Amino acid sequence: LNEQGEFITGENGTEVLALAESQDF
């Protein structure tokens, strides 16, 4: 969820998936 308590957008979700793939934490 984003700060409005709504599901993140498809575009946001793609960015999260890319981060998970890169493990750039």
mmCIF file of all heavy atoms, coordinates in Angstrom:
data_MODEL
# 
_entry.id   MODEL 
# 
loop_
_atom_site.group_PDB 
_atom_site.id 
_atom_site.type_symbol 
_atom_site.label_atom_id 
_atom_site.label_alt_id 
_atom_site.label_comp_id 
_atom_site.label_asym_id 
_atom_site.label_entity_id 
_atom_site.label_seq_id 
_atom_site.pdbx_PDB_ins_code 
_atom_site.Cartn_x 
_atom_site.Cartn_y 
_atom_site.Cartn_z 
_atom_site.occupancy 
_atom_site.B_iso_or_equiv 
_atom_site.pdbx_formal_charge 
_atom_site.auth_seq_id 
_atom_site.auth_comp_id 
_atom_site.auth_asym_id 
_atom_site.auth_atom_id 
_atom_site.pdbx_PDB_model_num 
ATOM 1   N N   . LEU A 1 1  ? 0.830  -1.212  0.000   1.00 0.00 ? 1  LEU A N   1 
ATOM 2   C CA  . LEU A 1 1  ? 0.000  0.000   0.000   1.00 0.00 ? 1  LEU A CA  1 
ATOM 3   C C   . LEU A 1 1  ? 0.860  1.255   0.000   1.00 0.00 ? 1  LEU A C   1 
ATOM 4   O O   . LEU A 1 1  ? 1.916  1.298   0.622   1.00 0.00 ? 1  LEU A O   1 
ATOM 5   C CB  . LEU A 1 1  ? -0.893 0.032   1.247   1.00 0.00 ? 1  LEU A CB  1 
ATOM 6   C CG  . LEU A 1 1  ? -1.826 -1.148  1.495   1.00 0.00 ? 1  LEU A CG  1 
ATOM 7   C CD1 . LEU A 1 1  ? -2.533 -0.965  2.829   1.00 0.00 ? 1  LEU A CD1 1 
ATOM 8   C CD2 . LEU A 1 1  ? -2.838 -1.297  0.358   1.00 0.00 ? 1  LEU A CD2 1 
ATOM 9   N N   . ASN A 1 2  ? 0.352  2.305   -0.645  1.00 0.00 ? 2  ASN A N   1 
ATOM 10  C CA  . ASN A 1 2  ? 1.006  3.622   -0.598  1.00 0.00 ? 2  ASN A CA  1 
ATOM 11  C C   . ASN A 1 2  ? 0.502  4.408   0.614   1.00 0.00 ? 2  ASN A C   1 
ATOM 12  O O   . ASN A 1 2  ? -0.234 3.877   1.451   1.00 0.00 ? 2  ASN A O   1 
ATOM 13  C CB  . ASN A 1 2  ? 0.766  4.391   -1.909  1.00 0.00 ? 2  ASN A CB  1 
ATOM 14  C CG  . ASN A 1 2  ? -0.719 4.675   -2.151  1.00 0.00 ? 2  ASN A CG  1 
ATOM 15  O OD1 . ASN A 1 2  ? -1.543 4.672   -1.226  1.00 0.00 ? 2  ASN A OD1 1 
ATOM 16  N ND2 . ASN A 1 2  ? -1.078 4.935   -3.394  1.00 0.00 ? 2  ASN A ND2 1 
ATOM 17  N N   . GLU A 1 3  ? 0.889  5.693   0.703   1.00 0.00 ? 3  GLU A N   1 
ATOM 18  C CA  . GLU A 1 3  ? 0.542  6.472   1.908   1.00 0.00 ? 3  GLU A CA  1 
ATOM 19  C C   . GLU A 1 3  ? -0.943 6.793   2.003   1.00 0.00 ? 3  GLU A C   1 
ATOM 20  O O   . GLU A 1 3  ? -1.442 7.178   3.058   1.00 0.00 ? 3  GLU A O   1 
ATOM 21  C CB  . GLU A 1 3  ? 1.374  7.766   1.978   1.00 0.00 ? 3  GLU A CB  1 
ATOM 22  C CG  . GLU A 1 3  ? 1.027  8.822   0.942   1.00 0.00 ? 3  GLU A CG  1 
ATOM 23  C CD  . GLU A 1 3  ? 1.750  8.616   -0.379  1.00 0.00 ? 3  GLU A CD  1 
ATOM 24  O OE1 . GLU A 1 3  ? 2.371  7.547   -0.584  1.00 0.00 ? 3  GLU A OE1 1 
ATOM 25  O OE2 . GLU A 1 3  ? 1.692  9.536   -1.221  1.00 0.00 ? 3  GLU A OE2 1 
ATOM 26  N N   . GLN A 1 4  ? -1.688 6.617   0.887   1.00 0.00 ? 4  GLN A N   1 
ATOM 27  C CA  . GLN A 1 4  ? -3.152 6.796   0.952   1.00 0.00 ? 4  GLN A CA  1 
ATOM 28  C C   . GLN A 1 4  ? -3.857 5.531   1.445   1.00 0.00 ? 4  GLN A C   1 
ATOM 29  O O   . GLN A 1 4  ? -5.080 5.518   1.579   1.00 0.00 ? 4  GLN A O   1 
ATOM 30  C CB  . GLN A 1 4  ? -3.705 7.138   -0.444  1.00 0.00 ? 4  GLN A CB  1 
ATOM 31  C CG  . GLN A 1 4  ? -3.647 8.613   -0.805  1.00 0.00 ? 4  GLN A CG  1 
ATOM 32  C CD  . GLN A 1 4  ? -2.399 8.921   -1.608  1.00 0.00 ? 4  GLN A CD  1 
ATOM 33  O OE1 . GLN A 1 4  ? -1.978 8.143   -2.454  1.00 0.00 ? 4  GLN A OE1 1 
ATOM 34  N NE2 . GLN A 1 4  ? -1.791 10.058  -1.347  1.00 0.00 ? 4  GLN A NE2 1 
ATOM 35  N N   . GLY A 1 5  ? -3.101 4.464   1.655   1.00 0.00 ? 5  GLY A N   1 
ATOM 36  C CA  . GLY A 1 5  ? -3.723 3.192   2.023   1.00 0.00 ? 5  GLY A CA  1 
ATOM 37  C C   . GLY A 1 5  ? -4.323 2.498   0.810   1.00 0.00 ? 5  GLY A C   1 
ATOM 38  O O   . GLY A 1 5  ? -5.224 1.670   0.948   1.00 0.00 ? 5  GLY A O   1 
ATOM 39  N N   . GLU A 1 6  ? -3.822 2.834   -0.375  1.00 0.00 ? 6  GLU A N   1 
ATOM 40  C CA  . GLU A 1 6  ? -4.305 2.221   -1.618  1.00 0.00 ? 6  GLU A CA  1 
ATOM 41  C C   . GLU A 1 6  ? -3.190 1.377   -2.218  1.00 0.00 ? 6  GLU A C   1 
ATOM 42  O O   . GLU A 1 6  ? -2.001 1.629   -1.981  1.00 0.00 ? 6  GLU A O   1 
ATOM 43  C CB  . GLU A 1 6  ? -4.735 3.309   -2.605  1.00 0.00 ? 6  GLU A CB  1 
ATOM 44  C CG  . GLU A 1 6  ? -5.897 4.142   -2.089  1.00 0.00 ? 6  GLU A CG  1 
ATOM 45  C CD  . GLU A 1 6  ? -6.098 5.435   -2.877  1.00 0.00 ? 6  GLU A CD  1 
ATOM 46  O OE1 . GLU A 1 6  ? -5.607 5.525   -4.021  1.00 0.00 ? 6  GLU A OE1 1 
ATOM 47  O OE2 . GLU A 1 6  ? -6.747 6.353   -2.339  1.00 0.00 ? 6  GLU A OE2 1 
ATOM 48  N N   . PHE A 1 7  ? -3.561 0.382   -3.034  1.00 0.00 ? 7  PHE A N   1 
ATOM 49  C CA  . PHE A 1 7  ? -2.552 -0.469  -3.653  1.00 0.00 ? 7  PHE A CA  1 
ATOM 50  C C   . PHE A 1 7  ? -1.641 0.360   -4.546  1.00 0.00 ? 7  PHE A C   1 
ATOM 51  O O   . PHE A 1 7  ? -2.093 1.271   -5.243  1.00 0.00 ? 7  PHE A O   1 
ATOM 52  C CB  . PHE A 1 7  ? -3.202 -1.599  -4.450  1.00 0.00 ? 7  PHE A CB  1 
ATOM 53  C CG  . PHE A 1 7  ? -3.836 -2.646  -3.574  1.00 0.00 ? 7  PHE A CG  1 
ATOM 54  C CD1 . PHE A 1 7  ? -5.199 -2.882  -3.621  1.00 0.00 ? 7  PHE A CD1 1 
ATOM 55  C CD2 . PHE A 1 7  ? -3.071 -3.374  -2.675  1.00 0.00 ? 7  PHE A CD2 1 
ATOM 56  C CE1 . PHE A 1 7  ? -5.788 -3.832  -2.800  1.00 0.00 ? 7  PHE A CE1 1 
ATOM 57  C CE2 . PHE A 1 7  ? -3.644 -4.324  -1.848  1.00 0.00 ? 7  PHE A CE2 1 
ATOM 58  C CZ  . PHE A 1 7  ? -5.006 -4.554  -1.908  1.00 0.00 ? 7  PHE A CZ  1 
ATOM 59  N N   . ILE A 1 8  ? -0.354 0.035   -4.506  1.00 0.00 ? 8  ILE A N   1 
ATOM 60  C CA  . ILE A 1 8  ? 0.594  0.770   -5.345  1.00 0.00 ? 8  ILE A CA  1 
ATOM 61  C C   . ILE A 1 8  ? 0.269  0.528   -6.821  1.00 0.00 ? 8  ILE A C   1 
ATOM 62  O O   . ILE A 1 8  ? -0.346 -0.473  -7.173  1.00 0.00 ? 8  ILE A O   1 
ATOM 63  C CB  . ILE A 1 8  ? 2.063  0.385   -5.024  1.00 0.00 ? 8  ILE A CB  1 
ATOM 64  C CG1 . ILE A 1 8  ? 2.324  -1.100  -5.320  1.00 0.00 ? 8  ILE A CG1 1 
ATOM 65  C CG2 . ILE A 1 8  ? 2.411  0.730   -3.587  1.00 0.00 ? 8  ILE A CG2 1 
ATOM 66  C CD1 . ILE A 1 8  ? 3.781  -1.497  -5.234  1.00 0.00 ? 8  ILE A CD1 1 
ATOM 67  N N   . THR A 1 9  ? 0.655  1.452   -7.673  1.00 0.00 ? 9  THR A N   1 
ATOM 68  C CA  . THR A 1 9  ? 0.350  1.357   -9.103  1.00 0.00 ? 9  THR A CA  1 
ATOM 69  C C   . THR A 1 9  ? 1.198  0.275   -9.768  1.00 0.00 ? 9  THR A C   1 
ATOM 70  O O   . THR A 1 9  ? 2.202  -0.173  -9.213  1.00 0.00 ? 9  THR A O   1 
ATOM 71  C CB  . THR A 1 9  ? 0.637  2.695   -9.816  1.00 0.00 ? 9  THR A CB  1 
ATOM 72  O OG1 . THR A 1 9  ? 2.061  2.933   -9.747  1.00 0.00 ? 9  THR A OG1 1 
ATOM 73  C CG2 . THR A 1 9  ? -0.104 3.848   -9.165  1.00 0.00 ? 9  THR A CG2 1 
ATOM 74  N N   . GLY A 1 10 ? 0.798  -0.090  -10.988 1.00 0.00 ? 10 GLY A N   1 
ATOM 75  C CA  . GLY A 1 10 ? 1.557  -1.066  -11.757 1.00 0.00 ? 10 GLY A CA  1 
ATOM 76  C C   . GLY A 1 10 ? 2.983  -0.616  -11.993 1.00 0.00 ? 10 GLY A C   1 
ATOM 77  O O   . GLY A 1 10 ? 3.932  -1.409  -11.896 1.00 0.00 ? 10 GLY A O   1 
ATOM 78  N N   . GLU A 1 11 ? 3.142  0.671   -12.283 1.00 0.00 ? 11 GLU A N   1 
ATOM 79  C CA  . GLU A 1 11 ? 4.472  1.246   -12.517 1.00 0.00 ? 11 GLU A CA  1 
ATOM 80  C C   . GLU A 1 11 ? 5.342  1.123   -11.261 1.00 0.00 ? 11 GLU A C   1 
ATOM 81  O O   . GLU A 1 11 ? 6.503  0.716   -11.317 1.00 0.00 ? 11 GLU A O   1 
ATOM 82  C CB  . GLU A 1 11 ? 4.302  2.722   -12.901 1.00 0.00 ? 11 GLU A CB  1 
ATOM 83  C CG  . GLU A 1 11 ? 5.539  3.367   -13.487 1.00 0.00 ? 11 GLU A CG  1 
ATOM 84  C CD  . GLU A 1 11 ? 5.306  4.862   -13.743 1.00 0.00 ? 11 GLU A CD  1 
ATOM 85  O OE1 . GLU A 1 11 ? 4.144  5.261   -13.996 1.00 0.00 ? 11 GLU A OE1 1 
ATOM 86  O OE2 . GLU A 1 11 ? 6.287  5.606   -13.671 1.00 0.00 ? 11 GLU A OE2 1 
ATOM 87  N N   . ASN A 1 12 ? 4.746  1.464   -10.104 1.00 0.00 ? 12 ASN A N   1 
ATOM 88  C CA  . ASN A 1 12 ? 5.471  1.331   -8.829  1.00 0.00 ? 12 ASN A CA  1 
ATOM 89  C C   . ASN A 1 12 ? 5.855  -0.121  -8.579  1.00 0.00 ? 12 ASN A C   1 
ATOM 90  O O   . ASN A 1 12 ? 6.971  -0.422  -8.151  1.00 0.00 ? 12 ASN A O   1 
ATOM 91  C CB  . ASN A 1 12 ? 4.607  1.804   -7.659  1.00 0.00 ? 12 ASN A CB  1 
ATOM 92  C CG  . ASN A 1 12 ? 4.239  3.272   -7.705  1.00 0.00 ? 12 ASN A CG  1 
ATOM 93  O OD1 . ASN A 1 12 ? 3.277  3.692   -7.077  1.00 0.00 ? 12 ASN A OD1 1 
ATOM 94  N ND2 . ASN A 1 12 ? 4.993  4.059   -8.458  1.00 0.00 ? 12 ASN A ND2 1 
ATOM 95  N N   . GLY A 1 13 ? 4.909  -1.013  -8.830  1.00 0.00 ? 13 GLY A N   1 
ATOM 96  C CA  . GLY A 1 13 ? 5.141  -2.439  -8.606  1.00 0.00 ? 13 GLY A CA  1 
ATOM 97  C C   . GLY A 1 13 ? 6.300  -2.969  -9.433  1.00 0.00 ? 13 GLY A C   1 
ATOM 98  O O   . GLY A 1 13 ? 7.114  -3.775  -8.953  1.00 0.00 ? 13 GLY A O   1 
ATOM 99  N N   . THR A 1 14 ? 6.390  -2.498  -10.678 1.00 0.00 ? 14 THR A N   1 
ATOM 100 C CA  . THR A 1 14 ? 7.494  -2.912  -11.559 1.00 0.00 ? 14 THR A CA  1 
ATOM 101 C C   . THR A 1 14 ? 8.835  -2.473  -10.977 1.00 0.00 ? 14 THR A C   1 
ATOM 102 O O   . THR A 1 14 ? 9.830  -3.211  -11.020 1.00 0.00 ? 14 THR A O   1 
ATOM 103 C CB  . THR A 1 14 ? 7.295  -2.304  -12.967 1.00 0.00 ? 14 THR A CB  1 
ATOM 104 O OG1 . THR A 1 14 ? 6.021  -2.716  -13.451 1.00 0.00 ? 14 THR A OG1 1 
ATOM 105 C CG2 . THR A 1 14 ? 8.352  -2.756  -13.933 1.00 0.00 ? 14 THR A CG2 1 
ATOM 106 N N   . GLU A 1 15 ? 8.859  -1.263  -10.409 1.00 0.00 ? 15 GLU A N   1 
ATOM 107 C CA  . GLU A 1 15 ? 10.099 -0.747  -9.797  1.00 0.00 ? 15 GLU A CA  1 
ATOM 108 C C   . GLU A 1 15 ? 10.486 -1.578  -8.566  1.00 0.00 ? 15 GLU A C   1 
ATOM 109 O O   . GLU A 1 15 ? 11.677 -1.860  -8.345  1.00 0.00 ? 15 GLU A O   1 
ATOM 110 C CB  . GLU A 1 15 ? 9.911  0.726   -9.410  1.00 0.00 ? 15 GLU A CB  1 
ATOM 111 C CG  . GLU A 1 15 ? 9.785  1.650   -10.617 1.00 0.00 ? 15 GLU A CG  1 
ATOM 112 C CD  . GLU A 1 15 ? 9.289  3.055   -10.237 1.00 0.00 ? 15 GLU A CD  1 
ATOM 113 O OE1 . GLU A 1 15 ? 9.109  3.319   -9.030  1.00 0.00 ? 15 GLU A OE1 1 
ATOM 114 O OE2 . GLU A 1 15 ? 9.087  3.862   -11.157 1.00 0.00 ? 15 GLU A OE2 1 
ATOM 115 N N   . VAL A 1 16 ? 9.483  -1.972  -7.770  1.00 0.00 ? 16 VAL A N   1 
ATOM 116 C CA  . VAL A 1 16 ? 9.757  -2.804  -6.584  1.00 0.00 ? 16 VAL A CA  1 
ATOM 117 C C   . VAL A 1 16 ? 10.316 -4.161  -7.013  1.00 0.00 ? 16 VAL A C   1 
ATOM 118 O O   . VAL A 1 16 ? 11.287 -4.664  -6.428  1.00 0.00 ? 16 VAL A O   1 
ATOM 119 C CB  . VAL A 1 16 ? 8.477  -2.979  -5.727  1.00 0.00 ? 16 VAL A CB  1 
ATOM 120 C CG1 . VAL A 1 16 ? 8.717  -3.983  -4.598  1.00 0.00 ? 16 VAL A CG1 1 
ATOM 121 C CG2 . VAL A 1 16 ? 8.017  -1.644  -5.138  1.00 0.00 ? 16 VAL A CG2 1 
ATOM 122 N N   . LEU A 1 17 ? 9.723  -4.760  -8.052  1.00 0.00 ? 17 LEU A N   1 
ATOM 123 C CA  . LEU A 1 17 ? 10.206 -6.055  -8.553  1.00 0.00 ? 17 LEU A CA  1 
ATOM 124 C C   . LEU A 1 17 ? 11.655 -5.961  -9.041  1.00 0.00 ? 17 LEU A C   1 
ATOM 125 O O   . LEU A 1 17 ? 12.459 -6.864  -8.802  1.00 0.00 ? 17 LEU A O   1 
ATOM 126 C CB  . LEU A 1 17 ? 9.310  -6.558  -9.689  1.00 0.00 ? 17 LEU A CB  1 
ATOM 127 C CG  . LEU A 1 17 ? 7.913  -7.063  -9.295  1.00 0.00 ? 17 LEU A CG  1 
ATOM 128 C CD1 . LEU A 1 17 ? 7.096  -7.409  -10.535 1.00 0.00 ? 17 LEU A CD1 1 
ATOM 129 C CD2 . LEU A 1 17 ? 8.000  -8.288  -8.388  1.00 0.00 ? 17 LEU A CD2 1 
ATOM 130 N N   . ALA A 1 18 ? 11.972 -4.851  -9.716  1.00 0.00 ? 18 ALA A N   1 
ATOM 131 C CA  . ALA A 1 18 ? 13.343 -4.656  -10.215 1.00 0.00 ? 18 ALA A CA  1 
ATOM 132 C C   . ALA A 1 18 ? 14.329 -4.559  -9.052  1.00 0.00 ? 18 ALA A C   1 
ATOM 133 O O   . ALA A 1 18 ? 15.435 -5.117  -9.101  1.00 0.00 ? 18 ALA A O   1 
ATOM 134 C CB  . ALA A 1 18 ? 13.415 -3.405  -11.084 1.00 0.00 ? 18 ALA A CB  1 
ATOM 135 N N   . LEU A 1 19 ? 13.918 -3.867  -7.987  1.00 0.00 ? 19 LEU A N   1 
ATOM 136 C CA  . LEU A 1 19 ? 14.777 -3.767  -6.792  1.00 0.00 ? 19 LEU A CA  1 
ATOM 137 C C   . LEU A 1 19 ? 14.988 -5.131  -6.148  1.00 0.00 ? 19 LEU A C   1 
ATOM 138 O O   . LEU A 1 19 ? 16.083 -5.459  -5.698  1.00 0.00 ? 19 LEU A O   1 
ATOM 139 C CB  . LEU A 1 19 ? 14.149 -2.804  -5.775  1.00 0.00 ? 19 LEU A CB  1 
ATOM 140 C CG  . LEU A 1 19 ? 14.582 -1.344  -5.837  1.00 0.00 ? 19 LEU A CG  1 
ATOM 141 C CD1 . LEU A 1 19 ? 13.729 -0.506  -4.894  1.00 0.00 ? 19 LEU A CD1 1 
ATOM 142 C CD2 . LEU A 1 19 ? 16.061 -1.198  -5.459  1.00 0.00 ? 19 LEU A CD2 1 
ATOM 143 N N   . ALA A 1 20 ? 13.917 -5.925  -6.093  1.00 0.00 ? 20 ALA A N   1 
ATOM 144 C CA  . ALA A 1 20 ? 14.026 -7.267  -5.510  1.00 0.00 ? 20 ALA A CA  1 
ATOM 145 C C   . ALA A 1 20 ? 15.019 -8.107  -6.307  1.00 0.00 ? 20 ALA A C   1 
ATOM 146 O O   . ALA A 1 20 ? 15.807 -8.883  -5.742  1.00 0.00 ? 20 ALA A O   1 
ATOM 147 C CB  . ALA A 1 20 ? 12.662 -7.944  -5.480  1.00 0.00 ? 20 ALA A CB  1 
ATOM 148 N N   . GLU A 1 21 ? 14.983 -7.921  -7.623  1.00 0.00 ? 21 GLU A N   1 
ATOM 149 C CA  . GLU A 1 21 ? 15.871 -8.672  -8.518  1.00 0.00 ? 21 GLU A CA  1 
ATOM 150 C C   . GLU A 1 21 ? 17.333 -8.262  -8.300  1.00 0.00 ? 21 GLU A C   1 
ATOM 151 O O   . GLU A 1 21 ? 18.231 -9.090  -8.213  1.00 0.00 ? 21 GLU A O   1 
ATOM 152 C CB  . GLU A 1 21 ? 15.450 -8.400  -9.970  1.00 0.00 ? 21 GLU A CB  1 
ATOM 153 C CG  . GLU A 1 21 ? 15.876 -9.457  -10.967 1.00 0.00 ? 21 GLU A CG  1 
ATOM 154 C CD  . GLU A 1 21 ? 15.316 -10.838 -10.666 1.00 0.00 ? 21 GLU A CD  1 
ATOM 155 O OE1 . GLU A 1 21 ? 14.131 -10.959 -10.263 1.00 0.00 ? 21 GLU A OE1 1 
ATOM 156 O OE2 . GLU A 1 21 ? 16.080 -11.804 -10.805 1.00 0.00 ? 21 GLU A OE2 1 
ATOM 157 N N   . SER A 1 22 ? 17.554 -6.948  -8.172  1.00 0.00 ? 22 SER A N   1 
ATOM 158 C CA  . SER A 1 22 ? 18.933 -6.440  -8.042  1.00 0.00 ? 22 SER A CA  1 
ATOM 159 C C   . SER A 1 22 ? 19.487 -6.604  -6.626  1.00 0.00 ? 22 SER A C   1 
ATOM 160 O O   . SER A 1 22 ? 20.699 -6.622  -6.425  1.00 0.00 ? 22 SER A O   1 
ATOM 161 C CB  . SER A 1 22 ? 18.982 -4.952  -8.411  1.00 0.00 ? 22 SER A CB  1 
ATOM 162 O OG  . SER A 1 22 ? 18.317 -4.179  -7.424  1.00 0.00 ? 22 SER A OG  1 
ATOM 163 N N   . GLN A 1 23 ? 18.570 -6.699  -5.640  1.00 0.00 ? 23 GLN A N   1 
ATOM 164 C CA  . GLN A 1 23 ? 18.937 -6.779  -4.222  1.00 0.00 ? 23 GLN A CA  1 
ATOM 165 C C   . GLN A 1 23 ? 19.848 -5.623  -3.804  1.00 0.00 ? 23 GLN A C   1 
ATOM 166 O O   . GLN A 1 23 ? 20.785 -5.788  -3.008  1.00 0.00 ? 23 GLN A O   1 
ATOM 167 C CB  . GLN A 1 23 ? 19.591 -8.139  -3.904  1.00 0.00 ? 23 GLN A CB  1 
ATOM 168 C CG  . GLN A 1 23 ? 18.637 -9.292  -4.114  1.00 0.00 ? 23 GLN A CG  1 
ATOM 169 C CD  . GLN A 1 23 ? 19.140 -10.601 -3.552  1.00 0.00 ? 23 GLN A CD  1 
ATOM 170 O OE1 . GLN A 1 23 ? 19.769 -10.648 -2.501  1.00 0.00 ? 23 GLN A OE1 1 
ATOM 171 N NE2 . GLN A 1 23 ? 18.850 -11.697 -4.242  1.00 0.00 ? 23 GLN A NE2 1 
ATOM 172 N N   . ASP A 1 24 ? 19.535 -4.449  -4.337  1.00 0.00 ? 24 ASP A N   1 
ATOM 173 C CA  . ASP A 1 24 ? 20.328 -3.251  -4.034  1.00 0.00 ? 24 ASP A CA  1 
ATOM 174 C C   . ASP A 1 24 ? 19.781 -2.609  -2.752  1.00 0.00 ? 24 ASP A C   1 
ATOM 175 O O   . ASP A 1 24 ? 19.150 -1.563  -2.783  1.00 0.00 ? 24 ASP A O   1 
ATOM 176 C CB  . ASP A 1 24 ? 20.248 -2.287  -5.231  1.00 0.00 ? 24 ASP A CB  1 
ATOM 177 C CG  . ASP A 1 24 ? 21.158 -1.076  -5.053  1.00 0.00 ? 24 ASP A CG  1 
ATOM 178 O OD1 . ASP A 1 24 ? 22.022 -1.115  -4.146  1.00 0.00 ? 24 ASP A OD1 1 
ATOM 179 O OD2 . ASP A 1 24 ? 20.988 -0.096  -5.799  1.00 0.00 ? 24 ASP A OD2 1 
ATOM 180 N N   . PHE A 1 25 ? 20.011 -3.281  -1.619  1.00 0.00 ? 25 PHE A N   1 
ATOM 181 C CA  . PHE A 1 25 ? 19.478 -2.827  -0.332  1.00 0.00 ? 25 PHE A CA  1 
ATOM 182 C C   . PHE A 1 25 ? 20.613 -2.282  0.540   1.00 0.00 ? 25 PHE A C   1 
ATOM 183 O O   . PHE A 1 25 ? 21.732 -2.778  0.486   1.00 0.00 ? 25 PHE A O   1 
ATOM 184 C CB  . PHE A 1 25 ? 18.792 -3.982  0.417   1.00 0.00 ? 25 PHE A CB  1 
ATOM 185 C CG  . PHE A 1 25 ? 17.894 -4.843  -0.423  1.00 0.00 ? 25 PHE A CG  1 
ATOM 186 C CD1 . PHE A 1 25 ? 17.938 -6.228  -0.326  1.00 0.00 ? 25 PHE A CD1 1 
ATOM 187 C CD2 . PHE A 1 25 ? 16.991 -4.272  -1.316  1.00 0.00 ? 25 PHE A CD2 1 
ATOM 188 C CE1 . PHE A 1 25 ? 17.110 -7.030  -1.093  1.00 0.00 ? 25 PHE A CE1 1 
ATOM 189 C CE2 . PHE A 1 25 ? 16.157 -5.067  -2.092  1.00 0.00 ? 25 PHE A CE2 1 
ATOM 190 C CZ  . PHE A 1 25 ? 16.225 -6.454  -1.987  1.00 0.00 ? 25 PHE A CZ  1 
# 
